[in-house]
PDB file of all heavy atoms in Angstrom:
ATOM      1  N   ALA A   1      83.632  70.401 -51.969  1.00  0.00           N
ATOM      2  CA  ALA A   1      84.687  70.992 -52.778  1.00  0.00           C
ATOM      3  C   ALA A   1      84.053  71.981 -53.736  1.00  0.00           C
ATOM      4  O   ALA A   1      82.829  72.036 -53.886  1.00  0.00           O
ATOM      5  CB  ALA A   1      85.429  69.901 -53.549  1.00  0.00           C
ATOM      6  N   LEU A   2      84.888  72.756 -54.392  1.00  0.00           N
ATOM      7  CA  LEU A   2      84.375  73.732 -55.351  1.00  0.00           C
ATOM      8  C   LEU A   2      83.547  73.059 -56.441  1.00  0.00           C
ATOM      9  O   LEU A   2      82.558  73.622 -56.922  1.00  0.00           O
ATOM     10  CB  LEU A   2      85.541  74.494 -55.987  1.00  0.00           C
ATOM     11  CG  LEU A   2      86.348  75.418 -55.057  1.00  0.00           C
ATOM     12  CD1 LEU A   2      87.508  76.034 -55.827  1.00  0.00           C
ATOM     13  CD2 LEU A   2      85.469  76.498 -54.476  1.00  0.00           C
ATOM     14  N   SER A   3      83.934  71.852 -56.819  1.00  0.00           N
ATOM     15  CA  SER A   3      83.229  71.154 -57.892  1.00  0.00           C
ATOM     16  C   SER A   3      81.765  70.884 -57.549  1.00  0.00           C
ATOM     17  O   SER A   3      80.933  70.691 -58.442  1.00  0.00           O
ATOM     18  CB  SER A   3      83.933  69.833 -58.217  1.00  0.00           C
ATOM     19  OG  SER A   3      83.974  68.990 -57.073  1.00  0.00           O
ATOM     20  N   ASN A   4      81.437  70.868 -56.241  1.00  0.00           N
ATOM     21  CA  ASN A   4      80.043  70.663 -55.840  1.00  0.00           C
ATOM     22  C   ASN A   4      79.117  71.717 -56.429  1.00  0.00           C
ATOM     23  O   ASN A   4      77.932  71.479 -56.637  1.00  0.00           O
ATOM     24  CB  ASN A   4      79.898  70.711 -54.320  1.00  0.00           C
ATOM     25  CG  ASN A   4      80.614  69.595 -53.594  1.00  0.00           C
ATOM     26  OD1 ASN A   4      80.636  69.554 -52.384  1.00  0.00           O
ATOM     27  ND2 ASN A   4      81.245  68.675 -54.338  1.00  0.00           N
ATOM     28  N   TRP A   5      79.679  72.906 -56.704  1.00  0.00           N
ATOM     29  CA  TRP A   5      78.878  74.046 -57.126  1.00  0.00           C
ATOM     30  C   TRP A   5      79.069  74.384 -58.600  1.00  0.00           C
ATOM     31  O   TRP A   5      78.671  75.463 -59.043  1.00  0.00           O
ATOM     32  CB  TRP A   5      79.227  75.268 -56.268  1.00  0.00           C
ATOM     33  CG  TRP A   5      78.968  75.115 -54.808  1.00  0.00           C
ATOM     34  CD1 TRP A   5      79.893  74.896 -53.832  1.00  0.00           C
ATOM     35  CD2 TRP A   5      77.703  75.181 -54.142  1.00  0.00           C
ATOM     36  NE1 TRP A   5      79.290  74.828 -52.606  1.00  0.00           N
ATOM     37  CE2 TRP A   5      77.936  75.000 -52.769  1.00  0.00           C
ATOM     38  CE3 TRP A   5      76.390  75.375 -54.589  1.00  0.00           C
ATOM     39  CZ2 TRP A   5      76.915  75.005 -51.827  1.00  0.00           C
ATOM     40  CZ3 TRP A   5      75.364  75.381 -53.643  1.00  0.00           C
ATOM     41  CH2 TRP A   5      75.634  75.195 -52.286  1.00  0.00           C
ATOM     42  N   ASP A   6      79.658  73.483 -59.369  1.00  0.00           N
ATOM     43  CA  ASP A   6      79.980  73.787 -60.776  1.00  0.00           C
ATOM     44  C   ASP A   6      78.790  74.353 -61.549  1.00  0.00           C
ATOM     45  O   ASP A   6      78.894  75.383 -62.219  1.00  0.00           O
ATOM     46  CB  ASP A   6      80.482  72.519 -61.490  1.00  0.00           C
ATOM     47  CG  ASP A   6      81.976  72.296 -61.278  1.00  0.00           C
ATOM     48  OD1 ASP A   6      82.623  73.164 -60.678  1.00  0.00           O
ATOM     49  OD2 ASP A   6      82.483  71.252 -61.726  1.00  0.00           O
ATOM     50  N   GLU A   7      77.660  73.658 -61.489  1.00  0.00           N
ATOM     51  CA  GLU A   7      76.503  74.077 -62.281  1.00  0.00           C
ATOM     52  C   GLU A   7      75.898  75.376 -61.768  1.00  0.00           C
ATOM     53  O   GLU A   7      75.341  76.162 -62.535  1.00  0.00           O
ATOM     54  CB  GLU A   7      75.449  72.967 -62.294  1.00  0.00           C
ATOM     55  CG  GLU A   7      75.900  71.690 -62.975  1.00  0.00           C
ATOM     56  CD  GLU A   7      76.260  71.914 -64.441  1.00  0.00           C
ATOM     57  OE1 GLU A   7      75.617  72.752 -65.105  1.00  0.00           O
ATOM     58  OE2 GLU A   7      77.193  71.249 -64.925  1.00  0.00           O
ATOM     59  N   VAL A   8      76.001  75.610 -60.462  1.00  0.00           N
ATOM     60  CA  VAL A   8      75.514  76.872 -59.897  1.00  0.00           C
ATOM     61  C   VAL A   8      76.378  78.032 -60.390  1.00  0.00           C
ATOM     62  O   VAL A   8      75.863  79.080 -60.793  1.00  0.00           O
ATOM     63  CB  VAL A   8      75.509  76.817 -58.354  1.00  0.00           C
ATOM     64  CG1 VAL A   8      75.134  78.185 -57.763  1.00  0.00           C
ATOM     65  CG2 VAL A   8      74.536  75.754 -57.861  1.00  0.00           C
ATOM     66  N   ILE A   9      77.685  77.828 -60.386  1.00  0.00           N
ATOM     67  CA  ILE A   9      78.593  78.877 -60.882  1.00  0.00           C
ATOM     68  C   ILE A   9      78.297  79.166 -62.346  1.00  0.00           C
ATOM     69  O   ILE A   9      78.157  80.329 -62.757  1.00  0.00           O
ATOM     70  CB  ILE A   9      80.070  78.448 -60.716  1.00  0.00           C
ATOM     71  CG1 ILE A   9      80.409  78.213 -59.253  1.00  0.00           C
ATOM     72  CG2 ILE A   9      80.993  79.530 -61.291  1.00  0.00           C
ATOM     73  CD1 ILE A   9      81.778  77.585 -59.032  1.00  0.00           C
ATOM     74  N   THR A  10      78.207  78.119 -63.149  1.00  0.00           N
ATOM     75  CA  THR A  10      77.973  78.288 -64.588  1.00  0.00           C
ATOM     76  C   THR A  10      76.686  79.048 -64.865  1.00  0.00           C
ATOM     77  O   THR A  10      76.648  79.970 -65.691  1.00  0.00           O
ATOM     78  CB  THR A  10      77.899  76.916 -65.279  1.00  0.00           C
ATOM     79  OG1 THR A  10      79.129  76.215 -65.079  1.00  0.00           O
ATOM     80  CG2 THR A  10      77.646  77.068 -66.763  1.00  0.00           C
ATOM     81  N   THR A  11      75.622  78.684 -64.163  1.00  0.00           N
ATOM     82  CA  THR A  11      74.309  79.269 -64.426  1.00  0.00           C
ATOM     83  C   THR A  11      74.177  80.688 -63.880  1.00  0.00           C
ATOM     84  O   THR A  11      73.695  81.588 -64.571  1.00  0.00           O
ATOM     85  CB  THR A  11      73.202  78.385 -63.819  1.00  0.00           C
ATOM     86  OG1 THR A  11      73.258  77.085 -64.433  1.00  0.00           O
ATOM     87  CG2 THR A  11      71.822  78.996 -64.037  1.00  0.00           C
ATOM     88  N   PHE A  12      74.624  80.902 -62.654  1.00  0.00           N
ATOM     89  CA  PHE A  12      74.292  82.152 -61.973  1.00  0.00           C
ATOM     90  C   PHE A  12      75.352  83.242 -62.090  1.00  0.00           C
ATOM     91  O   PHE A  12      75.051  84.415 -61.853  1.00  0.00           O
ATOM     92  CB  PHE A  12      73.962  81.866 -60.507  1.00  0.00           C
ATOM     93  CG  PHE A  12      72.660  81.145 -60.336  1.00  0.00           C
ATOM     94  CD1 PHE A  12      72.633  79.761 -60.263  1.00  0.00           C
ATOM     95  CD2 PHE A  12      71.463  81.829 -60.298  1.00  0.00           C
ATOM     96  CE1 PHE A  12      71.433  79.077 -60.141  1.00  0.00           C
ATOM     97  CE2 PHE A  12      70.257  81.167 -60.177  1.00  0.00           C
ATOM     98  CZ  PHE A  12      70.236  79.779 -60.098  1.00  0.00           C
ATOM     99  N   SER A  13      76.571  82.887 -62.483  1.00  0.00           N
ATOM    100  CA  SER A  13      77.600  83.925 -62.630  1.00  0.00           C
ATOM    101  C   SER A  13      77.323  84.839 -63.819  1.00  0.00           C
ATOM    102  O   SER A  13      77.963  85.874 -63.970  1.00  0.00           O
ATOM    103  CB  SER A  13      78.984  83.292 -62.767  1.00  0.00           C
ATOM    104  OG  SER A  13      79.055  82.467 -63.916  1.00  0.00           O
ATOM    105  N   LYS A  14      76.348  84.473 -64.652  1.00  0.00           N
ATOM    106  CA  LYS A  14      75.965  85.339 -65.769  1.00  0.00           C
ATOM    107  C   LYS A  14      75.182  86.558 -65.298  1.00  0.00           C
ATOM    108  O   LYS A  14      75.132  87.578 -65.983  1.00  0.00           O
ATOM    109  CB  LYS A  14      75.112  84.543 -66.766  1.00  0.00           C
ATOM    110  CG  LYS A  14      75.839  83.354 -67.377  1.00  0.00           C
ATOM    111  CD  LYS A  14      74.874  82.451 -68.138  1.00  0.00           C
ATOM    112  CE  LYS A  14      75.581  81.191 -68.632  1.00  0.00           C
ATOM    113  NZ  LYS A  14      74.641  80.234 -69.268  1.00  0.00           N
ATOM    114  N   ARG A  15      74.542  86.439 -64.104  1.00  0.00           N
ATOM    115  CA  ARG A  15      73.696  87.533 -63.614  1.00  0.00           C
ATOM    116  C   ARG A  15      73.975  87.920 -62.167  1.00  0.00           C
ATOM    117  O   ARG A  15      73.448  88.913 -61.677  1.00  0.00           O
ATOM    118  CB  ARG A  15      72.220  87.137 -63.739  1.00  0.00           C
ATOM    119  CG  ARG A  15      71.714  87.094 -65.164  1.00  0.00           C
ATOM    120  CD  ARG A  15      70.321  86.499 -65.225  1.00  0.00           C
ATOM    121  NE  ARG A  15      70.342  85.065 -64.951  1.00  0.00           N
ATOM    122  CZ  ARG A  15      69.547  84.449 -64.077  1.00  0.00           C
ATOM    123  NH1 ARG A  15      68.674  85.140 -63.387  1.00  0.00           N
ATOM    124  NH2 ARG A  15      69.626  83.138 -63.910  1.00  0.00           N
ATOM    125  N   TYR A  16      74.785  87.120 -61.490  1.00  0.00           N
ATOM    126  CA  TYR A  16      75.086  87.369 -60.087  1.00  0.00           C
ATOM    127  C   TYR A  16      76.601  87.303 -59.877  1.00  0.00           C
ATOM    128  O   TYR A  16      77.340  86.782 -60.716  1.00  0.00           O
ATOM    129  CB  TYR A  16      74.420  86.322 -59.192  1.00  0.00           C
ATOM    130  CG  TYR A  16      72.909  86.345 -59.234  1.00  0.00           C
ATOM    131  CD1 TYR A  16      72.215  85.597 -60.197  1.00  0.00           C
ATOM    132  CD2 TYR A  16      72.169  87.082 -58.320  1.00  0.00           C
ATOM    133  CE1 TYR A  16      70.822  85.602 -60.241  1.00  0.00           C
ATOM    134  CE2 TYR A  16      70.781  87.096 -58.353  1.00  0.00           C
ATOM    135  CZ  TYR A  16      70.115  86.356 -59.313  1.00  0.00           C
ATOM    136  OH  TYR A  16      68.739  86.366 -59.362  1.00  0.00           O
ATOM    137  N   ARG A  17      77.029  87.807 -58.741  1.00  0.00           N
ATOM    138  CA  ARG A  17      78.428  87.650 -58.336  1.00  0.00           C
ATOM    139  C   ARG A  17      78.487  86.435 -57.416  1.00  0.00           C
ATOM    140  O   ARG A  17      77.976  86.471 -56.296  1.00  0.00           O
ATOM    141  CB  ARG A  17      78.925  88.900 -57.615  1.00  0.00           C
ATOM    142  CG  ARG A  17      80.388  88.828 -57.211  1.00  0.00           C
ATOM    143  CD  ARG A  17      80.823  90.089 -56.460  1.00  0.00           C
ATOM    144  NE  ARG A  17      82.190  89.976 -55.978  1.00  0.00           N
ATOM    145  CZ  ARG A  17      82.753  90.823 -55.104  1.00  0.00           C
ATOM    146  NH1 ARG A  17      82.038  91.865 -54.644  1.00  0.00           N
ATOM    147  NH2 ARG A  17      83.997  90.637 -54.713  1.00  0.00           N
ATOM    148  N   VAL A  18      79.084  85.361 -57.895  1.00  0.00           N
ATOM    149  CA  VAL A  18      79.137  84.098 -57.161  1.00  0.00           C
ATOM    150  C   VAL A  18      80.505  83.969 -56.492  1.00  0.00           C
ATOM    151  O   VAL A  18      81.539  83.957 -57.158  1.00  0.00           O
ATOM    152  CB  VAL A  18      78.889  82.902 -58.102  1.00  0.00           C
ATOM    153  CG1 VAL A  18      78.942  81.596 -57.322  1.00  0.00           C
ATOM    154  CG2 VAL A  18      77.533  83.045 -58.805  1.00  0.00           C
ATOM    155  N   ILE A  19      80.475  83.847 -55.171  1.00  0.00           N
ATOM    156  CA  ILE A  19      81.716  83.780 -54.392  1.00  0.00           C
ATOM    157  C   ILE A  19      81.710  82.507 -53.550  1.00  0.00           C
ATOM    158  O   ILE A  19      80.713  82.196 -52.892  1.00  0.00           O
ATOM    159  CB  ILE A  19      81.857  85.006 -53.471  1.00  0.00           C
ATOM    160  CG1 ILE A  19      81.798  86.305 -54.288  1.00  0.00           C
ATOM    161  CG2 ILE A  19      83.161  84.938 -52.678  1.00  0.00           C
ATOM    162  CD1 ILE A  19      81.811  87.565 -53.448  1.00  0.00           C
ATOM    163  N   ILE A  20      82.818  81.776 -53.594  1.00  0.00           N
ATOM    164  CA  ILE A  20      82.943  80.548 -52.808  1.00  0.00           C
ATOM    165  C   ILE A  20      84.290  80.547 -52.078  1.00  0.00           C
ATOM    166  O   ILE A  20      85.341  80.362 -52.706  1.00  0.00           O
ATOM    167  CB  ILE A  20      82.871  79.285 -53.677  1.00  0.00           C
ATOM    168  CG1 ILE A  20      81.719  79.364 -54.685  1.00  0.00           C
ATOM    169  CG2 ILE A  20      82.740  78.049 -52.801  1.00  0.00           C
ATOM    170  CD1 ILE A  20      81.674  78.196 -55.653  1.00  0.00           C
ATOM    171  N   PRO A  21      84.297  80.743 -50.774  1.00  0.00           N
ATOM    172  CA  PRO A  21      85.561  80.607 -50.032  1.00  0.00           C
ATOM    173  C   PRO A  21      85.902  79.134 -49.847  1.00  0.00           C
ATOM    174  O   PRO A  21      85.017  78.303 -49.598  1.00  0.00           O
ATOM    175  CB  PRO A  21      85.248  81.280 -48.698  1.00  0.00           C
ATOM    176  CG  PRO A  21      83.771  81.116 -48.530  1.00  0.00           C
ATOM    177  CD  PRO A  21      83.172  81.132 -49.918  1.00  0.00           C
ATOM    178  N   MET A  22      87.152  78.797 -49.983  1.00  0.00           N
ATOM    179  CA  MET A  22      87.607  77.425 -49.740  1.00  0.00           C
ATOM    180  C   MET A  22      87.912  77.305 -48.246  1.00  0.00           C
ATOM    181  O   MET A  22      88.919  77.827 -47.764  1.00  0.00           O
ATOM    182  CB  MET A  22      88.830  77.113 -50.595  1.00  0.00           C
ATOM    183  CG  MET A  22      88.531  77.195 -52.089  1.00  0.00           C
ATOM    184  SD  MET A  22      89.981  76.880 -53.130  1.00  0.00           S
ATOM    185  CE  MET A  22      90.292  75.152 -52.772  1.00  0.00           C
ATOM    186  N   MET A  23      87.034  76.652 -47.545  1.00  0.00           N
ATOM    187  CA  MET A  23      87.169  76.578 -46.091  1.00  0.00           C
ATOM    188  C   MET A  23      88.319  75.652 -45.690  1.00  0.00           C
ATOM    189  O   MET A  23      88.500  74.582 -46.286  1.00  0.00           O
ATOM    190  CB  MET A  23      85.857  76.123 -45.464  1.00  0.00           C
ATOM    191  CG  MET A  23      84.775  77.188 -45.539  1.00  0.00           C
ATOM    192  SD  MET A  23      83.302  76.786 -44.585  1.00  0.00           S
ATOM    193  CE  MET A  23      82.510  75.585 -45.669  1.00  0.00           C
ATOM    194  N   PRO A  24      89.087  76.047 -44.676  1.00  0.00           N
ATOM    195  CA  PRO A  24      90.285  75.287 -44.283  1.00  0.00           C
ATOM    196  C   PRO A  24      89.953  74.110 -43.377  1.00  0.00           C
ATOM    197  O   PRO A  24      90.540  73.930 -42.305  1.00  0.00           O
ATOM    198  CB  PRO A  24      91.108  76.348 -43.543  1.00  0.00           C
ATOM    199  CG  PRO A  24      90.063  77.204 -42.883  1.00  0.00           C
ATOM    200  CD  PRO A  24      88.913  77.263 -43.862  1.00  0.00           C
ATOM    201  N   ILE A  25      89.017  73.277 -43.825  1.00  0.00           N
ATOM    202  CA  ILE A  25      88.548  72.173 -42.980  1.00  0.00           C
ATOM    203  C   ILE A  25      89.676  71.232 -42.583  1.00  0.00           C
ATOM    204  O   ILE A  25      89.736  70.750 -41.451  1.00  0.00           O
ATOM    205  CB  ILE A  25      87.430  71.407 -43.713  1.00  0.00           C
ATOM    206  CG1 ILE A  25      86.161  72.272 -43.759  1.00  0.00           C
ATOM    207  CG2 ILE A  25      87.138  70.072 -43.041  1.00  0.00           C
ATOM    208  CD1 ILE A  25      85.034  71.692 -44.592  1.00  0.00           C
ATOM    209  N   TYR A  26      90.597  70.994 -43.506  1.00  0.00           N
ATOM    210  CA  TYR A  26      91.643  70.008 -43.244  1.00  0.00           C
ATOM    211  C   TYR A  26      92.969  70.639 -42.841  1.00  0.00           C
ATOM    212  O   TYR A  26      93.923  69.931 -42.529  1.00  0.00           O
ATOM    213  CB  TYR A  26      91.847  69.131 -44.483  1.00  0.00           C
ATOM    214  CG  TYR A  26      90.545  68.666 -45.079  1.00  0.00           C
ATOM    215  CD1 TYR A  26      90.169  69.043 -46.360  1.00  0.00           C
ATOM    216  CD2 TYR A  26      89.675  67.880 -44.335  1.00  0.00           C
ATOM    217  CE1 TYR A  26      88.955  68.628 -46.905  1.00  0.00           C
ATOM    218  CE2 TYR A  26      88.452  67.472 -44.868  1.00  0.00           C
ATOM    219  CZ  TYR A  26      88.102  67.854 -46.146  1.00  0.00           C
ATOM    220  OH  TYR A  26      86.892  67.458 -46.668  1.00  0.00           O
ATOM    221  N   GLU A  27      93.027  71.970 -42.848  1.00  0.00           N
ATOM    222  CA  GLU A  27      94.272  72.649 -42.510  1.00  0.00           C
ATOM    223  C   GLU A  27      94.227  73.310 -41.136  1.00  0.00           C
ATOM    224  O   GLU A  27      95.241  73.795 -40.645  1.00  0.00           O
ATOM    225  CB  GLU A  27      94.602  73.727 -43.558  1.00  0.00           C
ATOM    226  CG  GLU A  27      94.919  73.194 -44.946  1.00  0.00           C
ATOM    227  CD  GLU A  27      93.663  72.861 -45.739  1.00  0.00           C
ATOM    228  OE1 GLU A  27      92.629  73.517 -45.512  1.00  0.00           O
ATOM    229  OE2 GLU A  27      93.721  71.934 -46.577  1.00  0.00           O
ATOM    230  N   MET A  28      93.039  73.348 -40.520  1.00  0.00           N
ATOM    231  CA  MET A  28      92.904  74.037 -39.239  1.00  0.00           C
ATOM    232  C   MET A  28      93.666  73.295 -38.136  1.00  0.00           C
ATOM    233  O   MET A  28      93.701  72.055 -38.133  1.00  0.00           O
ATOM    234  CB  MET A  28      91.431  74.137 -38.835  1.00  0.00           C
ATOM    235  CG  MET A  28      90.568  74.937 -39.782  1.00  0.00           C
ATOM    236  SD  MET A  28      88.832  74.947 -39.258  1.00  0.00           S
ATOM    237  CE  MET A  28      88.951  76.064 -37.866  1.00  0.00           C
TER     238      MET A  28
END
């Protein structure tokens, strides 16, 4: 889930463009 990457987003979005697509694992 997006929450898996919380600390990565917090740390790296200050210097990088952090993009996370929500994959349709359960909707396909």
